[in-house]
């Protein structure tokens, strides 16, 4: 096995990095995950993830974690409403979509990020994850790399795998190519205890998801576990909108006023989201890597997930691609198909870039559909045809 007598460092403890560690440990590889968080409870995890057949769910099966996944996913959370700016329901699959339909290519069960992360962490050998390891730099040493962390520690690894997200600090060791702004910004908000703090929206969402469209803008909402609700105001704007808007994202009153002005044509029912959201709101400019991304393969370094191919979220493929990357990379590193690590990594990167380009293209196209004057009609047609 190519990983025999090799130490592997995965930088980043998100779903992709942890899944790769799990799959490699199943093949008895020597692997550590270096994560910047102080511990697994240091951050509130973001919006739920929908897992897809052919990618995310395949990785979960290969990792022998389907039983645990079925215990933690939220049945019915993938059910969808499409509404207009007046909160009038124009599409629903709540009556037709089953709560459970594993094996159906169109079934996309949702799981909150926290339970998914904990499920993966629990599957790893003790002390696999080295917390409080904020990567700052690395340099070539022997046949591998010496990694340096903010806490003053340094470690050697024969193979380094970057799973450190869209703003990867390891990507520049492979390529100078940077993500490109898509023209769309998503303003994130969260309402805790939505039953009390956003009762009208809570009643409307029915523990599922809502896509609301009107006037070339949209609101995307998803029910979280524990009764919380996450939402995004998504719209076209300049890349530097967050710094140039003059908004204080920690000022609930000011942000509510902004929403009433920018979404003036929208029904007042939506205002309770902004009035009762926890602050600060988080502006998220949406980026993607170029579709023709390429770099020269190294025998001791590669990327997965957003570090390799950050993409817009409008096809729900980001986390699924990261988990599929982990699955395919683990196979390349631990099979007898390749004569050396360069060949194995080159094959992984070639196939990874192909599927990532396809997913990115789909995500960009969906983003275009969702941010035009005819967005509502576009999305009604899209979901009705599926």
Foldseek 3Di string as FASTA:
>chain_A
DQQVVFEEEEEALFLLSLLLQLLLVVLVGHAAYEYQAQDLPRDDADDKAWAFPPFRVVSCVSSVNVVLVVVAWDFPQAWEFEAELALHTDDTCSPPDGSDDPPPRPHTIIGTRSSSSVSSVVSHDPNRYDYNFAWDDWDDDDQEIWTAGPVGDIDTGNAYEYPPAQPTPCLVVWDPFHWDFLQKKKWKWKFAQCCPQQVVVCVSQVQYWYWYDADLWIKTKGADPPNMIMMITMAGDDPCCVVPVPDDQQDLVRVLVVCCVVSVVGHCSVSSRSNRTHDRIDMGGATWTDLPDDTQFDLRYYYAFSSLIRAACLVSCRSRLSSRLSVQLSCLSSDPPDPHSRVSVVVSVVVSSNVSSVVRVVSSVSVVCCRDNCNSVSVVVVVVVD
